[in-house]
C-alpha atoms as a PDB file:
ATOM      1  CA  MET A   1     112.681 274.392 137.683  1.00  0.00           C
ATOM      2  CA  THR A   2     109.104 275.449 137.606  1.00  0.00           C
ATOM      3  CA  CYS A   3     107.636 279.138 138.119  1.00  0.00           C
ATOM      4  CA  TYR A   4     105.573 280.159 140.364  1.00  0.00           C
ATOM      5  CA  GLU A   5     103.934 283.199 142.460  1.00  0.00           C
ATOM      6  CA  THR A   6     102.779 282.884 145.726  1.00  0.00           C
ATOM      7  CA  LEU A   7     100.707 285.808 147.269  1.00  0.00           C
ATOM      8  CA  PHE A   8      99.981 285.945 150.401  1.00  0.00           C
ATOM      9  CA  VAL A   9      97.404 287.641 152.910  1.00  0.00           C
ATOM     10  CA  VAL A  10      99.336 288.940 156.303  1.00  0.00           C
ATOM     11  CA  LYS A  11      96.823 290.318 159.209  1.00  0.00           C
ATOM     12  CA  PRO A  12      96.873 294.382 159.610  1.00  0.00           C
ATOM     13  CA  THR A  13      97.030 293.828 163.159  1.00  0.00           C
ATOM     14  CA  LEU A  14     100.444 292.983 162.960  1.00  0.00           C
ATOM     15  CA  THR A  15     103.711 295.725 163.511  1.00  0.00           C
ATOM     16  CA  GLU A  16     106.080 296.841 160.422  1.00  0.00           C
ATOM     17  CA  GLU A  17     108.884 294.549 162.312  1.00  0.00           C
ATOM     18  CA  GLU A  18     105.730 291.616 162.922  1.00  0.00           C
ATOM     19  CA  ILE A  19     104.729 291.494 158.543  1.00  0.00           C
ATOM     20  CA  THR A  20     108.897 291.759 158.198  1.00  0.00           C
ATOM     21  CA  ALA A  21     109.067 289.274 160.342  1.00  0.00           C
ATOM     22  CA  GLN A  22     106.406 286.805 159.128  1.00  0.00           C
ATOM     23  CA  ILE A  23     107.359 287.357 154.782  1.00  0.00           C
ATOM     24  CA  ALA A  24     111.185 286.403 155.919  1.00  0.00           C
ATOM     25  CA  LYS A  25     109.511 283.019 157.915  1.00  0.00           C
ATOM     26  CA  VAL A  26     108.177 282.710 153.872  1.00  0.00           C
ATOM     27  CA  LYS A  27     111.346 283.741 152.648  1.00  0.00           C
ATOM     28  CA  ASP A  28     112.793 281.062 154.984  1.00  0.00           C
ATOM     29  CA  VAL A  29     110.815 278.430 153.647  1.00  0.00           C
ATOM     30  CA  LEU A  30     111.784 278.976 150.643  1.00  0.00           C
ATOM     31  CA  ALA A  31     115.559 278.604 150.849  1.00  0.00           C
ATOM     32  CA  LYS A  32     114.541 275.053 152.930  1.00  0.00           C
ATOM     33  CA  VAL A  33     113.108 273.647 150.100  1.00  0.00           C
ATOM     34  CA  ASP A  34     116.113 275.077 147.329  1.00  0.00           C
ATOM     35  CA  ALA A  35     113.700 277.179 145.506  1.00  0.00           C
ATOM     36  CA  GLU A  36     115.092 280.254 143.821  1.00  0.00           C
ATOM     37  CA  LEU A  37     114.025 283.432 145.489  1.00  0.00           C
ATOM     38  CA  LEU A  38     113.507 285.437 141.543  1.00  0.00           C
ATOM     39  CA  ALA A  39     111.857 288.785 143.308  1.00  0.00           C
ATOM     40  CA  THR A  40     109.475 289.940 145.696  1.00  0.00           C
ATOM     41  CA  ASN A  41     106.456 292.386 145.655  1.00  0.00           C
ATOM     42  CA  ASP A  42     105.627 294.274 148.847  1.00  0.00           C
ATOM     43  CA  MET A  43     102.006 295.766 147.698  1.00  0.00           C
ATOM     44  CA  GLY A  44     101.165 296.947 150.758  1.00  0.00           C
ATOM     45  CA  MET A  45      98.252 297.350 153.028  1.00  0.00           C
ATOM     46  CA  ARG A  46      95.162 296.896 150.747  1.00  0.00           C
ATOM     47  CA  LYS A  47      91.231 296.395 151.277  1.00  0.00           C
ATOM     48  CA  LEU A  48      90.030 292.519 150.840  1.00  0.00           C
ATOM     49  CA  ALA A  49      87.574 291.752 148.545  1.00  0.00           C
ATOM     50  CA  TYR A  50      85.196 290.066 151.661  1.00  0.00           C
ATOM     51  CA  PRO A  51      85.858 289.940 155.024  1.00  0.00           C
ATOM     52  CA  VAL A  52      88.121 287.279 155.809  1.00  0.00           C
ATOM     53  CA  GLU A  53      88.919 286.365 160.106  1.00  0.00           C
ATOM     54  CA  LYS A  54      86.925 289.297 160.519  1.00  0.00           C
ATOM     55  CA  SER A  55      89.554 291.541 159.000  1.00  0.00           C
ATOM     56  CA  ASP A  56      88.730 293.925 155.512  1.00  0.00           C
ATOM     57  CA  ARG A  57      92.577 294.442 155.012  1.00  0.00           C
ATOM     58  CA  GLY A  58      95.229 293.014 155.051  1.00  0.00           C
ATOM     59  CA  TYR A  59      99.259 293.796 153.774  1.00  0.00           C
ATOM     60  CA  TYR A  60      99.403 291.401 150.307  1.00  0.00           C
ATOM     61  CA  THR A  61     103.270 290.262 149.163  1.00  0.00           C
ATOM     62  CA  VAL A  62     103.628 288.250 146.420  1.00  0.00           C
ATOM     63  CA  LEU A  63     106.887 286.272 145.658  1.00  0.00           C
ATOM     64  CA  TYR A  64     108.006 285.553 142.393  1.00  0.00           C
ATOM     65  CA  TYR A  65     110.356 281.640 142.118  1.00  0.00           C
ATOM     66  CA  LYS A  66     111.552 278.793 140.736  1.00  0.00           C
ATOM     67  CA  ALA A  67     110.738 275.500 142.309  1.00  0.00           C
ATOM     68  CA  ASN A  68     110.315 271.704 142.170  1.00  0.00           C
ATOM     69  CA  GLY A  69     106.285 270.580 141.856  1.00  0.00           C
ATOM     70  CA  ASP A  70     106.638 268.738 145.880  1.00  0.00           C
ATOM     71  CA  ALA A  71     108.837 272.052 147.089  1.00  0.00           C
ATOM     72  CA  ILE A  72     105.171 273.324 146.463  1.00  0.00           C
ATOM     73  CA  ALA A  73     103.697 271.198 149.293  1.00  0.00           C
ATOM     74  CA  GLU A  74     105.551 271.759 151.907  1.00  0.00           C
ATOM     75  CA  ILE A  75     105.840 276.174 151.303  1.00  0.00           C
ATOM     76  CA  GLU A  76     101.904 275.834 151.394  1.00  0.00           C
ATOM     77  CA  ARG A  77     101.326 273.287 154.261  1.00  0.00           C
ATOM     78  CA  ASN A  78     103.632 276.409 156.241  1.00  0.00           C
ATOM     79  CA  LEU A  79     101.298 279.117 154.734  1.00  0.00           C
ATOM     80  CA  ARG A  80      98.056 277.259 156.802  1.00  0.00           C
ATOM     81  CA  ILE A  81     100.428 277.138 159.708  1.00  0.00           C
ATOM     82  CA  ASN A  82     101.025 280.285 160.172  1.00  0.00           C
ATOM     83  CA  GLU A  83      98.266 281.533 161.784  1.00  0.00           C
ATOM     84  CA  GLU A  84      99.343 285.295 160.987  1.00  0.00           C
ATOM     85  CA  ILE A  85      98.411 285.058 157.201  1.00  0.00           C
ATOM     86  CA  ILE A  86      94.759 285.206 156.981  1.00  0.00           C
ATOM     87  CA  LYS A  87      95.219 284.187 152.546  1.00  0.00           C
ATOM     88  CA  PHE A  88      97.711 282.893 150.268  1.00  0.00           C
ATOM     89  CA  LEU A  89      97.425 281.912 146.478  1.00  0.00           C
ATOM     90  CA  THR A  90     100.233 280.061 144.197  1.00  0.00           C
ATOM     91  CA  VAL A  91      99.939 279.867 140.548  1.00  0.00           C
ATOM     92  CA  LYS A  92     102.067 277.881 138.137  1.00  0.00           C
ATOM     93  CA  TYR A  93     103.501 279.573 134.825  1.00  0.00           C
ATOM     94  CA  VAL A  94     104.202 276.238 132.758  1.00  0.00           C
ATOM     95  CA  ASN A  95     103.400 277.170 128.459  1.00  0.00           C
ATOM     96  CA  GLY A  96     105.545 279.929 127.203  1.00  0.00           C
ATOM     97  CA  LYS A  97     103.097 283.120 127.139  1.00  0.00           C
ATOM     98  CA  GLU A  98     102.492 282.238 130.659  1.00  0.00           C
ATOM     99  CA  ILE A  99     106.319 282.222 131.355  1.00  0.00           C
ATOM    100  CA  ALA A 100     106.824 285.202 129.264  1.00  0.00           C
ATOM    101  CA  GLN A 101     104.396 287.153 131.100  1.00  0.00           C
ATOM    102  CA  PHE A 102     106.095 285.582 134.597  1.00  0.00           C
ATOM    103  CA  GLU A 103     109.297 286.826 133.351  1.00  0.00           C
ATOM    104  CA  LYS A 104     107.304 290.286 132.651  1.00  0.00           C
ATOM    105  CA  GLN A 105     106.368 290.474 136.188  1.00  0.00           C
ATOM    106  CA  VAL A 106     109.156 289.686 138.272  1.00  0.00           C
ATOM    107  CA  ALA A 107     111.336 292.082 136.466  1.00  0.00           C
ATOM    108  CA  ALA A 108     108.892 295.216 137.348  1.00  0.00           C
ATOM    109  CA  ALA A 109     108.490 293.915 140.679  1.00  0.00           C
ATOM    110  CA  ASN A 110     112.699 293.861 140.549  1.00  0.00           C
ATOM    111  CA  LYS A 111     112.303 297.704 139.084  1.00  0.00           C
ATOM    112  CA  GLY A 112     109.679 298.996 141.270  1.00  0.00           C
ATOM    113  CA  ASN A 113     112.720 297.326 144.212  1.00  0.00           C
ATOM    114  CA  GLU A 114     114.963 299.290 143.017  1.00  0.00           C
ATOM    115  CA  ALA A 115     113.057 302.237 142.562  1.00  0.00           C
ATOM    116  CA  GLU A 116     112.216 302.082 146.651  1.00  0.00           C
ATOM    117  CA  SER A 117     115.897 301.032 147.467  1.00  0.00           C
ATOM    118  CA  LYS A 118     116.886 304.615 145.616  1.00  0.00           C
ATOM    119  CA  SER A 119     114.397 307.282 147.195  1.00  0.00           C
ATOM    120  CA  GLU A 120     114.640 305.399 150.510  1.00  0.00           C
ATOM    121  CA  GLU A 121     119.245 306.498 149.934  1.00  0.00           C
ATOM    122  CA  ALA A 122     118.297 310.028 149.300  1.00  0.00           C
END
């Protein structure tokens, strides 16, 4: 299995529940293609570098996972046909330095998620 990172941007006009549902749809696709989801980094609403589909902003989410190469085609196909996702990018990590950086990013994303869950509990 190879390490991958997929960043996708959801339309800013959706409600929080709809955004959460879109993220869950992508995670379901990962589960269907037997990808191992390692971490999720919800970056929130951000300004886009340039307008896309008349939107200046979008809700950014990054998924870190391990999958087989043929699974990426199915994941990207689902991202393409989903009208609520306006942009996406998949990055493949191959050599040792890249994989070390990938593991740092996964650890940082998991650490951020733990901090969020602790603040919600308080």
